[in-house]
Amino acid sequence: MFCPDGLDVASIRAQLDAARGDHYRLMLNAGAGQQEVDQRDWTRDVMAAVAESQGAEVPWLAVEHRNHARHDHVHIVAATERRLTRADLYTLREVADLSWERHADWARALDLDAVQEPDQRQPERLRALARTGEWER
């Protein structure tokens, strides 16, 4: 389990419990065959964008899943002061895509993994689920 840098899980849990706004379950997933990157840094970038769009701090906790599914992914629980709109979710997806590309470029530059052919690259996926049944596709 991890959270924003410089904060501890216990304090974030307390903030999530005390939050009066909307609570969200998010899943970040780059898709199969993507360049391996630090999913924690990637998650922190995406969640910083959420906070920026909200104009306020957004408490969140995340769990990284590796090697037990077809693809690596991160589950996030976050609380926002205002409800995320479809436009917010679209923007978050774009931020996730751009951030993943930047992290993948860094990984390639550091030669941490084999470079993929351009035709093998797929756009990243950001799936957001608001409270059950409240978010329409």
N, C-alpha and C. Protein backbone atom coordinates (compact mmCIF):
# COMPACT_ATOMS: atom_id res chain seq x y z
N MET A 1 0.85 -1.17 0.00
CA MET A 1 0.00 0.00 0.00
C MET A 1 0.91 1.23 0.00
N PHE A 2 0.50 2.23 -0.76
CA PHE A 2 1.28 3.46 -0.79
C PHE A 2 0.36 4.67 -0.93
N CYS A 3 0.93 5.85 -0.71
CA CYS A 3 0.17 7.10 -0.73
C CYS A 3 1.09 8.20 -1.23
N PRO A 4 0.63 9.45 -1.22
CA PRO A 4 1.52 10.54 -1.68
C PRO A 4 2.83 10.55 -0.89
N ASP A 5 3.91 10.95 -1.56
CA ASP A 5 5.21 11.04 -0.89
C ASP A 5 5.13 11.96 0.31
N GLY A 6 5.84 11.59 1.35
CA GLY A 6 5.92 12.42 2.54
C GLY A 6 4.78 12.24 3.51
N LEU A 7 3.82 11.40 3.19
CA LEU A 7 2.68 11.16 4.07
C LEU A 7 2.66 9.70 4.49
N ASP A 8 2.04 9.43 5.61
CA ASP A 8 1.95 8.04 6.06
C ASP A 8 0.54 7.51 5.84
N VAL A 9 0.45 6.21 5.69
CA VAL A 9 -0.82 5.55 5.37
C VAL A 9 -1.87 5.82 6.45
N ALA A 10 -1.49 5.80 7.71
CA ALA A 10 -2.45 6.02 8.80
C ALA A 10 -3.10 7.41 8.71
N SER A 11 -2.31 8.44 8.40
CA SER A 11 -2.89 9.79 8.31
C SER A 11 -3.80 9.91 7.09
N ILE A 12 -3.45 9.26 6.00
CA ILE A 12 -4.30 9.29 4.81
C ILE A 12 -5.61 8.56 5.08
N ARG A 13 -5.54 7.43 5.77
CA ARG A 13 -6.77 6.70 6.12
C ARG A 13 -7.69 7.58 6.94
N ALA A 14 -7.13 8.31 7.89
CA ALA A 14 -7.94 9.21 8.71
C ALA A 14 -8.57 10.31 7.86
N GLN A 15 -7.81 10.85 6.90
CA GLN A 15 -8.36 11.87 6.01
C GLN A 15 -9.48 11.31 5.14
N LEU A 16 -9.30 10.09 4.64
CA LEU A 16 -10.34 9.46 3.82
C LEU A 16 -11.61 9.23 4.64
N ASP A 17 -11.44 8.78 5.88
CA ASP A 17 -12.60 8.55 6.76
C ASP A 17 -13.34 9.84 7.06
N ALA A 18 -12.59 10.93 7.20
CA ALA A 18 -13.20 12.22 7.58
C ALA A 18 -13.73 13.00 6.37
N ALA A 19 -13.36 12.60 5.18
CA ALA A 19 -13.74 13.36 3.98
C ALA A 19 -15.26 13.38 3.79
N ARG A 20 -15.78 14.54 3.46
CA ARG A 20 -17.22 14.70 3.27
C ARG A 20 -17.63 14.69 1.80
N GLY A 21 -16.68 14.74 0.91
CA GLY A 21 -16.99 14.78 -0.52
C GLY A 21 -17.25 13.39 -1.07
N ASP A 22 -17.02 13.26 -2.35
CA ASP A 22 -17.22 11.98 -3.04
C ASP A 22 -16.00 11.09 -2.89
N HIS A 23 -16.24 9.80 -2.77
CA HIS A 23 -15.17 8.80 -2.71
C HIS A 23 -15.18 8.01 -4.02
N TYR A 24 -13.99 7.74 -4.53
CA TYR A 24 -13.85 7.04 -5.81
C TYR A 24 -12.90 5.86 -5.68
N ARG A 25 -13.20 4.85 -6.47
CA ARG A 25 -12.27 3.74 -6.68
C ARG A 25 -11.78 3.87 -8.11
N LEU A 26 -10.48 4.01 -8.27
CA LEU A 26 -9.88 4.17 -9.59
C LEU A 26 -8.94 3.00 -9.85
N MET A 27 -8.77 2.68 -11.10
CA MET A 27 -7.77 1.67 -11.46
C MET A 27 -6.95 2.22 -12.62
N LEU A 28 -5.65 2.24 -12.44
CA LEU A 28 -4.73 2.64 -13.49
C LEU A 28 -4.12 1.38 -14.10
N ASN A 29 -4.14 1.35 -15.42
CA ASN A 29 -3.70 0.15 -16.14
C ASN A 29 -3.11 0.60 -17.46
N ALA A 30 -1.87 0.24 -17.70
CA ALA A 30 -1.21 0.67 -18.94
C ALA A 30 -1.52 -0.23 -20.12
N GLY A 31 -2.05 -1.39 -19.88
CA GLY A 31 -2.33 -2.32 -20.96
C GLY A 31 -1.20 -3.32 -21.14
N ALA A 32 -1.52 -4.43 -21.74
CA ALA A 32 -0.55 -5.51 -21.93
C ALA A 32 0.57 -5.08 -22.87
N GLY A 33 1.76 -5.53 -22.59
CA GLY A 33 2.89 -5.31 -23.48
C GLY A 33 3.52 -3.94 -23.39
N GLN A 34 3.16 -3.14 -22.40
CA GLN A 34 3.73 -1.81 -22.28
C GLN A 34 5.10 -1.84 -21.63
N GLN A 35 5.88 -0.83 -21.92
CA GLN A 35 7.18 -0.64 -21.28
C GLN A 35 6.97 -0.60 -19.77
N GLU A 36 7.75 -1.34 -19.03
CA GLU A 36 7.61 -1.34 -17.58
C GLU A 36 8.15 -0.03 -17.00
N VAL A 37 7.37 0.57 -16.12
CA VAL A 37 7.79 1.80 -15.45
C VAL A 37 7.47 1.67 -13.97
N ASP A 38 7.87 2.66 -13.22
CA ASP A 38 7.56 2.72 -11.79
C ASP A 38 6.10 3.14 -11.64
N GLN A 39 5.23 2.19 -11.36
CA GLN A 39 3.80 2.47 -11.26
C GLN A 39 3.48 3.40 -10.11
N ARG A 40 4.29 3.41 -9.08
CA ARG A 40 4.04 4.30 -7.94
C ARG A 40 4.25 5.75 -8.34
N ASP A 41 5.36 6.03 -9.04
CA ASP A 41 5.58 7.40 -9.51
C ASP A 41 4.50 7.82 -10.49
N TRP A 42 4.12 6.89 -11.37
CA TRP A 42 3.07 7.17 -12.35
C TRP A 42 1.77 7.51 -11.64
N THR A 43 1.41 6.73 -10.63
CA THR A 43 0.19 6.97 -9.86
C THR A 43 0.25 8.33 -9.18
N ARG A 44 1.38 8.65 -8.60
CA ARG A 44 1.52 9.95 -7.92
C ARG A 44 1.34 11.10 -8.91
N ASP A 45 1.87 10.97 -10.13
CA ASP A 45 1.67 12.00 -11.16
C ASP A 45 0.19 12.18 -11.47
N VAL A 46 -0.50 11.07 -11.68
CA VAL A 46 -1.92 11.13 -12.04
C VAL A 46 -2.73 11.74 -10.90
N MET A 47 -2.45 11.32 -9.68
CA MET A 47 -3.22 11.84 -8.55
C MET A 47 -2.90 13.30 -8.26
N ALA A 48 -1.70 13.75 -8.60
CA ALA A 48 -1.38 15.18 -8.49
C ALA A 48 -2.26 15.97 -9.46
N ALA A 49 -2.53 15.40 -10.63
CA ALA A 49 -3.41 16.05 -11.60
C ALA A 49 -4.84 16.11 -11.07
N VAL A 50 -5.27 15.08 -10.37
CA VAL A 50 -6.61 15.09 -9.76
C VAL A 50 -6.69 16.24 -8.76
N ALA A 51 -5.68 16.36 -7.91
CA ALA A 51 -5.67 17.44 -6.92
C ALA A 51 -5.67 18.80 -7.59
N GLU A 52 -4.90 18.93 -8.67
CA GLU A 52 -4.86 20.20 -9.39
C GLU A 52 -6.23 20.54 -9.97
N SER A 53 -6.90 19.55 -10.54
CA SER A 53 -8.23 19.81 -11.13
C SER A 53 -9.26 20.14 -10.05
N GLN A 54 -9.07 19.61 -8.85
CA GLN A 54 -9.98 19.88 -7.75
C GLN A 54 -9.67 21.22 -7.07
N GLY A 55 -8.46 21.71 -7.25
CA GLY A 55 -8.05 22.93 -6.57
C GLY A 55 -7.88 22.71 -5.07
N ALA A 56 -7.64 21.46 -4.68
CA ALA A 56 -7.49 21.11 -3.27
C ALA A 56 -6.73 19.80 -3.15
N GLU A 57 -6.21 19.56 -1.97
CA GLU A 57 -5.57 18.28 -1.71
C GLU A 57 -6.59 17.16 -1.86
N VAL A 58 -6.16 16.04 -2.40
CA VAL A 58 -7.03 14.87 -2.55
C VAL A 58 -6.37 13.71 -1.82
N PRO A 59 -6.94 13.30 -0.68
CA PRO A 59 -6.35 12.14 0.01
C PRO A 59 -6.59 10.88 -0.82
N TRP A 60 -5.56 10.03 -0.90
CA TRP A 60 -5.69 8.78 -1.65
C TRP A 60 -4.73 7.73 -1.11
N LEU A 61 -5.12 6.49 -1.28
CA LEU A 61 -4.30 5.31 -0.98
C LEU A 61 -4.33 4.42 -2.20
N ALA A 62 -3.23 3.71 -2.44
CA ALA A 62 -3.17 2.85 -3.61
C ALA A 62 -2.48 1.52 -3.29
N VAL A 63 -2.83 0.52 -4.07
CA VAL A 63 -2.20 -0.80 -3.99
C VAL A 63 -1.76 -1.17 -5.39
N GLU A 64 -0.52 -1.59 -5.50
CA GLU A 64 0.06 -1.97 -6.79
C GLU A 64 -0.06 -3.48 -6.94
N HIS A 65 -0.61 -3.91 -8.06
CA HIS A 65 -0.72 -5.34 -8.36
C HIS A 65 0.21 -5.67 -9.52
N ARG A 66 1.12 -6.60 -9.27
CA ARG A 66 2.06 -7.06 -10.29
C ARG A 66 2.06 -8.57 -10.32
N ASN A 67 2.22 -9.14 -11.49
CA ASN A 67 2.46 -10.57 -11.67
C ASN A 67 1.32 -11.48 -11.20
N HIS A 68 0.13 -10.99 -11.06
CA HIS A 68 -0.97 -11.91 -10.73
C HIS A 68 -2.14 -11.77 -11.70
N ALA A 69 -1.99 -10.89 -12.64
CA ALA A 69 -3.02 -10.69 -13.66
C ALA A 69 -2.30 -10.62 -15.01
N ARG A 70 -3.07 -10.47 -16.05
CA ARG A 70 -2.47 -10.36 -17.38
C ARG A 70 -1.65 -9.09 -17.53
N HIS A 71 -1.93 -8.12 -16.71
CA HIS A 71 -1.22 -6.84 -16.80
C HIS A 71 -1.09 -6.24 -15.41
N ASP A 72 -0.02 -5.48 -15.23
CA ASP A 72 0.18 -4.78 -13.97
C ASP A 72 -0.82 -3.63 -13.89
N HIS A 73 -1.25 -3.33 -12.67
CA HIS A 73 -2.20 -2.24 -12.49
C HIS A 73 -2.16 -1.75 -11.05
N VAL A 74 -2.82 -0.62 -10.83
CA VAL A 74 -2.86 0.01 -9.51
C VAL A 74 -4.31 0.32 -9.17
N HIS A 75 -4.73 -0.05 -7.96
CA HIS A 75 -6.06 0.31 -7.45
C HIS A 75 -5.88 1.49 -6.51
N ILE A 76 -6.79 2.47 -6.63
CA ILE A 76 -6.70 3.69 -5.83
C ILE A 76 -8.06 3.96 -5.19
N VAL A 77 -8.04 4.41 -3.94
CA VAL A 77 -9.23 4.95 -3.28
C VAL A 77 -8.91 6.41 -3.01
N ALA A 78 -9.79 7.31 -3.45
CA ALA A 78 -9.55 8.74 -3.29
C ALA A 78 -10.85 9.44 -2.89
N ALA A 79 -10.70 10.57 -2.22
CA ALA A 79 -11.84 11.39 -1.83
C ALA A 79 -11.65 12.78 -2.43
N THR A 80 -12.68 13.28 -3.10
CA THR A 80 -12.61 14.60 -3.70
C THR A 80 -13.68 15.50 -3.11
N GLU A 81 -13.43 16.79 -3.12
CA GLU A 81 -14.40 17.74 -2.57
C GLU A 81 -15.60 17.90 -3.49
N ARG A 82 -15.36 17.80 -4.78
CA ARG A 82 -16.47 17.89 -5.73
C ARG A 82 -16.46 16.65 -6.61
N ARG A 83 -17.60 16.33 -7.15
CA ARG A 83 -17.75 15.14 -7.97
C ARG A 83 -16.94 15.27 -9.26
N LEU A 84 -16.30 14.18 -9.66
CA LEU A 84 -15.58 14.15 -10.93
C LEU A 84 -16.58 14.01 -12.06
N THR A 85 -16.43 14.86 -13.07
CA THR A 85 -17.31 14.82 -14.23
C THR A 85 -16.69 13.93 -15.30
N ARG A 86 -17.46 13.67 -16.34
CA ARG A 86 -16.91 12.91 -17.47
C ARG A 86 -15.71 13.63 -18.06
N ALA A 87 -15.78 14.95 -18.14
CA ALA A 87 -14.66 15.73 -18.66
C ALA A 87 -13.43 15.55 -17.77
N ASP A 88 -13.62 15.53 -16.45
CA ASP A 88 -12.51 15.28 -15.52
C ASP A 88 -11.89 13.92 -15.79
N LEU A 89 -12.72 12.90 -15.97
CA LEU A 89 -12.22 11.55 -16.20
C LEU A 89 -11.48 11.45 -17.53
N TYR A 90 -11.98 12.14 -18.55
CA TYR A 90 -11.29 12.16 -19.84
C TYR A 90 -9.92 12.81 -19.67
N THR A 91 -9.88 13.95 -18.96
CA THR A 91 -8.62 14.65 -18.73
C THR A 91 -7.64 13.76 -17.95
N LEU A 92 -8.16 13.04 -16.96
CA LEU A 92 -7.29 12.15 -16.19
C LEU A 92 -6.70 11.06 -17.07
N ARG A 93 -7.50 10.57 -17.98
CA ARG A 93 -6.99 9.54 -18.90
C ARG A 93 -5.87 10.11 -19.76
N GLU A 94 -6.05 11.33 -20.25
CA GLU A 94 -5.02 11.98 -21.05
C GLU A 94 -3.75 12.20 -20.22
N VAL A 95 -3.92 12.66 -18.99
CA VAL A 95 -2.77 12.86 -18.10
C VAL A 95 -2.06 11.53 -17.86
N ALA A 96 -2.83 10.47 -17.62
CA ALA A 96 -2.23 9.15 -17.38
C ALA A 96 -1.44 8.69 -18.61
N ASP A 97 -1.99 8.90 -19.79
CA ASP A 97 -1.31 8.52 -21.03
C ASP A 97 0.02 9.27 -21.18
N LEU A 98 -0.04 10.58 -21.01
CA LEU A 98 1.17 11.40 -21.17
C LEU A 98 2.21 11.07 -20.11
N SER A 99 1.76 10.88 -18.89
CA SER A 99 2.67 10.55 -17.81
C SER A 99 3.33 9.20 -18.04
N TRP A 100 2.52 8.22 -18.49
CA TRP A 100 3.09 6.89 -18.76
C TRP A 100 4.17 6.99 -19.85
N GLU A 101 3.88 7.73 -20.89
CA GLU A 101 4.85 7.89 -21.98
C GLU A 101 6.15 8.51 -21.45
N ARG A 102 6.02 9.53 -20.60
CA ARG A 102 7.21 10.18 -20.04
C ARG A 102 8.01 9.18 -19.19
N HIS A 103 7.32 8.43 -18.34
CA HIS A 103 8.01 7.44 -17.51
C HIS A 103 8.63 6.34 -18.37
N ALA A 104 7.94 5.93 -19.41
CA ALA A 104 8.49 4.90 -20.31
C ALA A 104 9.73 5.43 -21.04
N ASP A 105 9.69 6.70 -21.44
CA ASP A 105 10.87 7.30 -22.08
C ASP A 105 12.06 7.31 -21.12
N TRP A 106 11.79 7.63 -19.86
CA TRP A 106 12.87 7.61 -18.87
C TRP A 106 13.42 6.20 -18.71
N ALA A 107 12.52 5.22 -18.63
CA ALA A 107 12.96 3.83 -18.48
C ALA A 107 13.80 3.39 -19.67
N ARG A 108 13.36 3.76 -20.87
CA ARG A 108 14.14 3.41 -22.07
C ARG A 108 15.49 4.10 -22.05
N ALA A 109 15.50 5.36 -21.64
CA ALA A 109 16.76 6.10 -21.59
C ALA A 109 17.73 5.46 -20.60
N LEU A 110 17.20 4.91 -19.54
CA LEU A 110 18.03 4.24 -18.54
C LEU A 110 18.26 2.79 -18.88
N ASP A 111 17.64 2.33 -20.00
CA ASP A 111 17.76 0.96 -20.47
C ASP A 111 17.33 -0.05 -19.41
N LEU A 112 16.20 0.24 -18.75
CA LEU A 112 15.70 -0.65 -17.73
C LEU A 112 14.95 -1.84 -18.30
N ASP A 113 14.51 -1.73 -19.55
CA ASP A 113 13.75 -2.81 -20.16
C ASP A 113 13.99 -2.73 -21.67
N ALA A 114 13.66 -3.78 -22.38
CA ALA A 114 13.82 -3.78 -23.83
C ALA A 114 12.89 -2.75 -24.45
N VAL A 115 13.37 -2.07 -25.47
CA VAL A 115 12.54 -1.07 -26.16
C VAL A 115 11.58 -1.80 -27.08
N GLN A 116 10.33 -1.39 -27.04
CA GLN A 116 9.33 -2.02 -27.89
C GLN A 116 9.29 -1.33 -29.25
N GLU A 117 8.83 -2.06 -30.22
CA GLU A 117 8.60 -1.48 -31.53
C GLU A 117 7.41 -0.53 -31.45
N PRO A 118 7.43 0.58 -32.19
CA PRO A 118 6.33 1.54 -32.10
C PRO A 118 4.94 0.95 -32.37
N ASP A 119 4.85 -0.03 -33.27
CA ASP A 119 3.53 -0.60 -33.57
C ASP A 119 3.01 -1.48 -32.43
N GLN A 120 3.85 -1.82 -31.46
CA GLN A 120 3.41 -2.62 -30.32
C GLN A 120 2.85 -1.77 -29.19
N ARG A 121 3.05 -0.46 -29.27
CA ARG A 121 2.63 0.41 -28.18
C ARG A 121 1.14 0.69 -28.28
N GLN A 122 0.49 0.65 -27.14
CA GLN A 122 -0.94 0.92 -27.06
C GLN A 122 -1.15 2.07 -26.10
N PRO A 123 -2.20 2.84 -26.27
CA PRO A 123 -2.44 3.92 -25.30
C PRO A 123 -2.76 3.33 -23.93
N GLU A 124 -2.41 4.06 -22.90
CA GLU A 124 -2.68 3.61 -21.54
C GLU A 124 -4.17 3.69 -21.26
N ARG A 125 -4.57 3.02 -20.24
CA ARG A 125 -5.98 2.99 -19.86
C ARG A 125 -6.15 3.48 -18.44
N LEU A 126 -7.05 4.40 -18.28
CA LEU A 126 -7.44 4.85 -16.94
C LEU A 126 -8.91 4.55 -16.81
N ARG A 127 -9.25 3.66 -15.89
CA ARG A 127 -10.65 3.34 -15.65
C ARG A 127 -11.03 3.91 -14.31
N ALA A 128 -12.10 4.65 -14.28
CA ALA A 128 -12.54 5.23 -13.03
C ALA A 128 -13.96 4.77 -12.76
N LEU A 129 -14.19 4.33 -11.57
CA LEU A 129 -15.54 3.92 -11.16
C LEU A 129 -15.95 4.79 -9.98
N ALA A 130 -16.99 5.55 -10.17
CA ALA A 130 -17.53 6.30 -9.04
C ALA A 130 -18.28 5.31 -8.18
N ARG A 131 -18.90 5.79 -7.19
CA ARG A 131 -19.68 4.89 -6.35
C ARG A 131 -20.58 4.05 -7.24
N THR A 132 -20.78 2.83 -6.89
CA THR A 132 -21.50 1.85 -7.70
C THR A 132 -22.80 2.42 -8.24
N GLY A 133 -22.95 2.34 -9.56
CA GLY A 133 -24.18 2.74 -10.22
C GLY A 133 -24.35 4.22 -10.46
N GLU A 134 -23.45 5.06 -9.96
CA GLU A 134 -23.64 6.49 -10.13
C GLU A 134 -22.95 7.04 -11.36
N TRP A 135 -21.98 6.33 -11.90
CA TRP A 135 -21.27 6.82 -13.06
C TRP A 135 -21.71 6.05 -14.27
N GLU A 136 -22.26 6.74 -15.25
CA GLU A 136 -22.70 6.09 -16.47
C GLU A 136 -21.57 6.09 -17.47
N ARG A 137 -21.49 5.05 -18.26
CA ARG A 137 -20.45 4.98 -19.29
C ARG A 137 -20.84 5.80 -20.48
